[in-house]
Amino acid sequence: MQTASPLAPTLFIDADACPVTREALDAARRHGIHTVVAGNSTQNLQRRIRRDDPRDALSARRGFWVETLDVSVGADAADFAIVERLQPGDVVVTQDIGLASMVLGRGAFAIGVRGHLYRKETIDMQLFIRHEENMVLGRGAFAIGVRGHLYRKETIDMQLFIRHEEKKVRRAGGKTGGFSAFDDDDRERFVRNLSSLIHDALRNAAQTINSENNTVDVDGNDVTVD
C-alpha cells in the first residue's frame, strides 16, 4: 500500500453496506485528498472507482488518488484494517459506532452515512447503548418492537443514530415519524457535512505543515518567517 504525505489527511470509506461511497469519492475528488475504499473480499470495490481516477501517489490529480483495501470476510475485518493505517487528522466514513470510537481515540475524524458527526463527548454513551442492545441479540435471543419490527445486529447502529437524532428534535419541540429509510435529505446532509469535515482536516494539516516549516498562515496566505 502506497502512502500519501505523512501530514496530508486520508479519507477512509468503510464500504461495507455503505450507501454514500459515490458521494464520498466525489467529495475527495473536489478537495484533492487521498482516499482508501475498504471492504470485504466478496465486494467488487473496483466498480466504485472511475476509470480515469489516479491509482497511485505519483499520478495524483491535485492531491487526489484512490486505492481499494480488500479484507477477509468476517466481523470487524474492515474496521481493524482501517485502524491499522489510520493517522491523526484522517477522516473516516462509517456507520459503525465501534469503529467511530477507535477513530476518535486516534485523533481522527468520523462521520456517519447520514451526515452525523461522531464526537468524543457522546461516543461512550452510544457505545453503551449499543452494547446493552447487542447483549440481548448476542444471547441468541430475538428482540421485537411493539409494532412487530425485528431488531438486527446489522442495522442496530443506524437505528441508534436515528433514535438519537429524533430525541434532539423532540427536545426542541418538533415531531418525528419514527424510523425512516435512507433518503435524499440524508444524502445531502452527508455531502455537506463531509465537505466541511475534509476542509477542516486539510486546514489543520496545512497549519501543522506551516508550523514545521516556520511559516504563518495569515488570512489563508502562507507567509514565510525569515
Protein backbone atom coordinates (compact mmCIF):
# COMPACT_ATOMS: atom_id res chain seq x y z
CA MET A 1 0.00 0.00 0.00
CA GLN A 2 1.44 3.34 -1.05
CA THR A 3 1.19 6.29 1.29
CA ALA A 4 0.47 9.98 0.89
CA SER A 5 2.39 12.74 2.65
CA PRO A 6 2.57 11.86 6.36
CA LEU A 7 0.86 15.15 7.21
CA ALA A 8 -1.79 15.10 4.48
CA PRO A 9 -5.13 13.64 5.63
CA THR A 10 -6.52 10.47 4.08
CA LEU A 11 -10.21 9.71 3.60
CA PHE A 12 -11.15 6.15 4.55
CA ILE A 13 -14.50 4.76 3.40
CA ASP A 14 -15.90 1.77 5.26
CA ALA A 15 -17.63 0.46 2.14
CA ASP A 16 -19.49 -2.47 3.70
CA ALA A 17 -23.19 -1.67 3.16
CA CYS A 18 -22.28 1.99 2.64
CA PRO A 19 -24.92 3.93 0.63
CA VAL A 20 -22.72 7.02 0.10
CA THR A 21 -19.47 5.64 -1.31
CA ARG A 22 -20.01 7.50 -4.60
CA GLU A 23 -20.69 10.79 -2.80
CA ALA A 24 -17.64 10.35 -0.58
CA LEU A 25 -15.42 9.75 -3.63
CA ASP A 26 -16.89 12.83 -5.34
CA ALA A 27 -16.01 14.92 -2.28
CA ALA A 28 -12.46 13.51 -2.28
CA ARG A 29 -12.02 14.46 -5.94
CA ARG A 30 -13.23 18.02 -5.28
CA HIS A 31 -10.97 18.54 -2.30
CA GLY A 32 -7.95 16.68 -3.67
CA ILE A 33 -7.45 14.09 -0.92
CA HIS A 34 -6.02 10.57 -0.89
CA THR A 35 -8.81 8.02 -0.47
CA VAL A 36 -8.95 4.38 0.61
CA VAL A 37 -12.10 2.33 -0.07
CA ALA A 38 -12.14 -0.60 2.35
CA GLY A 39 -14.45 -3.61 2.24
CA ASN A 40 -14.52 -7.38 2.43
CA SER A 41 -13.29 -9.52 -0.43
CA THR A 42 -16.80 -10.50 -1.55
CA GLN A 43 -17.45 -6.99 -2.80
CA ASN A 44 -16.28 -5.62 -6.11
CA LEU A 45 -14.71 -2.44 -4.78
CA GLN A 46 -13.25 -1.57 -8.18
CA ARG A 47 -16.72 -0.83 -9.56
CA ARG A 48 -16.96 2.19 -7.28
CA ILE A 49 -13.96 3.87 -8.91
CA ARG A 50 -13.84 5.72 -12.22
CA ARG A 51 -11.54 4.51 -14.95
CA ASP A 52 -9.68 7.82 -15.03
CA ASP A 53 -9.18 8.06 -11.26
CA PRO A 54 -5.48 8.17 -10.33
CA ARG A 55 -4.47 4.94 -8.60
CA ASP A 56 -1.12 5.89 -7.06
CA ALA A 57 0.56 8.89 -5.44
CA LEU A 58 2.79 9.59 -8.45
CA SER A 59 -0.19 10.17 -10.73
CA ALA A 60 -2.32 12.01 -8.16
CA ARG A 61 -4.59 14.74 -9.51
CA ARG A 62 -4.45 17.83 -7.28
CA GLY A 63 -3.69 15.54 -4.36
CA PHE A 64 -6.46 13.04 -5.14
CA TRP A 65 -5.79 9.39 -5.76
CA VAL A 66 -7.73 6.32 -4.70
CA GLU A 67 -6.98 2.73 -3.79
CA THR A 68 -9.01 -0.21 -2.60
CA LEU A 69 -8.36 -2.24 0.52
CA ASP A 70 -9.78 -5.76 0.28
CA VAL A 71 -10.08 -7.52 3.62
CA SER A 72 -11.12 -11.00 4.64
CA VAL A 73 -14.75 -11.82 5.27
CA GLY A 74 -15.54 -11.57 8.95
CA ALA A 75 -16.87 -9.31 11.66
CA ASP A 76 -14.87 -6.08 12.04
CA ALA A 77 -12.24 -7.08 9.45
CA ALA A 78 -12.58 -3.79 7.55
CA ASP A 79 -12.65 -1.84 10.83
CA PHE A 80 -9.30 -3.18 12.01
CA ALA A 81 -7.74 -2.81 8.57
CA ILE A 82 -8.67 0.89 8.59
CA VAL A 83 -7.49 1.47 12.15
CA GLU A 84 -4.08 -0.10 11.39
CA ARG A 85 -3.47 2.56 8.74
CA LEU A 86 -5.13 5.48 10.49
CA GLN A 87 -3.21 8.66 11.32
CA PRO A 88 -4.29 11.66 13.41
CA GLY A 89 -6.28 14.08 11.25
CA ASP A 90 -7.60 11.44 8.85
CA VAL A 91 -11.32 11.23 8.04
CA VAL A 92 -13.37 8.02 8.20
CA VAL A 93 -16.85 7.39 6.74
CA THR A 94 -18.59 4.64 8.68
CA GLN A 95 -21.94 3.67 10.16
CA ASP A 96 -20.27 1.50 12.80
CA ILE A 97 -20.10 3.13 16.24
CA GLY A 98 -17.31 0.81 17.37
CA LEU A 99 -15.06 1.88 14.52
CA ALA A 100 -16.01 5.53 15.06
CA SER A 101 -14.90 5.24 18.69
CA MET A 102 -11.48 3.86 17.68
CA VAL A 103 -11.13 6.61 15.07
CA LEU A 104 -11.81 9.37 17.60
CA GLY A 105 -9.41 7.76 20.06
CA ARG A 106 -6.61 8.12 17.50
CA GLY A 107 -7.19 11.80 16.90
CA ALA A 108 -9.01 11.37 13.58
CA PHE A 109 -12.50 12.40 12.42
CA ALA A 110 -15.51 10.11 11.89
CA ILE A 111 -18.79 10.76 10.07
CA GLY A 112 -21.84 8.53 9.64
CA VAL A 113 -23.56 7.81 6.35
CA ARG A 114 -26.43 10.16 7.24
CA GLY A 115 -24.02 13.01 7.93
CA HIS A 116 -23.84 12.52 11.71
CA LEU A 117 -20.50 13.74 13.11
CA TYR A 118 -19.29 11.41 15.84
CA ARG A 119 -17.92 13.26 18.89
CA LYS A 120 -15.83 12.23 21.87
CA GLU A 121 -18.37 13.79 24.22
CA THR A 122 -21.15 11.38 23.22
CA ILE A 123 -19.47 8.30 21.74
CA ASP A 124 -19.20 6.46 25.08
CA MET A 125 -22.94 6.70 25.67
CA GLN A 126 -23.66 5.49 22.13
CA LEU A 127 -21.33 2.53 22.67
CA PHE A 128 -23.02 1.69 25.97
CA ILE A 129 -26.48 1.70 24.40
CA ARG A 130 -25.29 -0.49 21.54
CA HIS A 131 -23.65 -2.89 23.99
CA GLU A 132 -26.81 -3.27 26.02
CA GLU A 133 -28.97 -3.87 22.97
CA ASN A 134 -26.43 -6.27 21.47
CA MET A 135 -26.39 -8.20 24.74
CA VAL A 136 -30.00 -9.13 24.07
CA LEU A 137 -29.28 -10.18 20.49
CA GLY A 138 -25.98 -11.86 21.40
CA ARG A 139 -27.61 -14.28 23.81
CA GLY A 140 -29.35 -15.91 20.89
CA ALA A 141 -32.49 -14.08 21.84
CA PHE A 142 -34.64 -12.10 19.48
CA ALA A 143 -35.78 -8.53 20.06
CA ILE A 144 -39.03 -7.36 18.56
CA GLY A 145 -40.72 -3.97 18.76
CA VAL A 146 -44.32 -3.42 19.72
CA ARG A 147 -45.19 -2.88 16.04
CA GLY A 148 -43.60 -6.15 15.00
CA HIS A 149 -40.21 -4.75 13.94
CA LEU A 150 -37.37 -7.29 14.33
CA TYR A 151 -34.14 -5.73 15.60
CA ARG A 152 -30.99 -6.99 13.89
CA LYS A 153 -27.27 -6.62 14.59
CA GLU A 154 -26.65 -5.43 11.03
CA THR A 155 -28.86 -2.36 11.42
CA ILE A 156 -28.82 -1.58 15.15
CA ASP A 157 -26.14 1.14 14.86
CA MET A 158 -28.19 3.01 12.26
CA GLN A 159 -31.27 2.75 14.42
CA LEU A 160 -29.39 4.09 17.44
CA PHE A 161 -28.29 7.13 15.45
CA ILE A 162 -31.83 7.78 14.21
CA ARG A 163 -33.19 7.49 17.72
CA HIS A 164 -30.57 9.96 18.96
CA GLU A 165 -31.48 12.47 16.25
CA GLU A 166 -35.21 12.10 16.89
CA LYS A 167 -34.72 12.79 20.60
CA LYS A 168 -32.95 16.03 19.74
CA VAL A 169 -35.86 17.07 17.51
CA ARG A 170 -38.41 16.27 20.18
CA ARG A 171 -36.47 18.17 22.84
CA ALA A 172 -36.56 21.18 20.52
CA GLY A 173 -40.35 20.93 20.29
CA GLY A 174 -40.53 19.17 16.93
CA LYS A 175 -42.23 15.97 15.86
CA THR A 176 -40.79 12.83 14.31
CA GLY A 177 -42.28 9.95 12.39
CA GLY A 178 -40.17 7.10 13.73
CA PHE A 179 -37.67 5.01 11.77
CA SER A 180 -37.22 6.19 8.19
CA ALA A 181 -35.42 4.84 5.16
CA PHE A 182 -32.25 6.45 3.87
CA ASP A 183 -33.35 9.31 1.60
CA ASP A 184 -32.11 12.31 -0.40
CA ASP A 185 -32.10 14.55 2.68
CA ASP A 186 -29.70 12.12 4.37
CA ARG A 187 -27.51 12.09 1.28
CA GLU A 188 -27.42 15.89 1.05
CA ARG A 189 -26.62 16.22 4.76
CA PHE A 190 -23.80 13.72 4.37
CA VAL A 191 -22.28 15.55 1.39
CA ARG A 192 -22.50 18.90 3.17
CA ASN A 193 -21.00 17.71 6.45
CA LEU A 194 -18.31 15.57 4.82
CA SER A 195 -17.13 18.52 2.72
CA SER A 196 -16.91 20.65 5.85
CA LEU A 197 -15.04 17.90 7.70
CA ILE A 198 -12.50 17.41 4.89
CA HIS A 199 -11.99 21.18 4.73
CA ASP A 200 -11.23 21.23 8.47
CA ALA A 201 -8.85 18.27 8.15
CA LEU A 202 -6.96 19.93 5.28
CA ARG A 203 -6.78 23.23 7.16
CA ASN A 204 -5.41 21.51 10.26
CA ALA A 205 -2.81 19.69 8.17
CA ALA A 206 -1.79 22.94 6.46
CA GLN A 207 -1.37 24.66 9.81
CA THR A 208 0.81 21.81 11.03
CA ILE A 209 2.97 21.93 7.91
CA ASN A 210 3.25 25.72 8.16
CA SER A 211 4.34 25.46 11.77
CA GLU A 212 7.01 22.87 10.98
CA ASN A 213 8.28 24.96 8.07
CA ASN A 214 8.41 28.18 10.11
CA THR A 215 5.51 29.73 8.20
CA VAL A 216 2.47 31.58 9.43
CA ASP A 217 -0.97 31.36 7.87
CA VAL A 218 -2.40 34.87 7.65
CA ASP A 219 -5.96 35.08 6.30
CA GLY A 220 -5.33 31.90 4.34
CA ASN A 221 -1.99 33.05 2.90
CA ASP A 222 1.32 31.40 3.74
CA VAL A 223 3.93 33.89 4.93
CA THR A 224 7.48 32.60 5.39
CA VAL A 225 9.19 33.74 8.55
CA ASP A 226 12.80 34.75 7.89
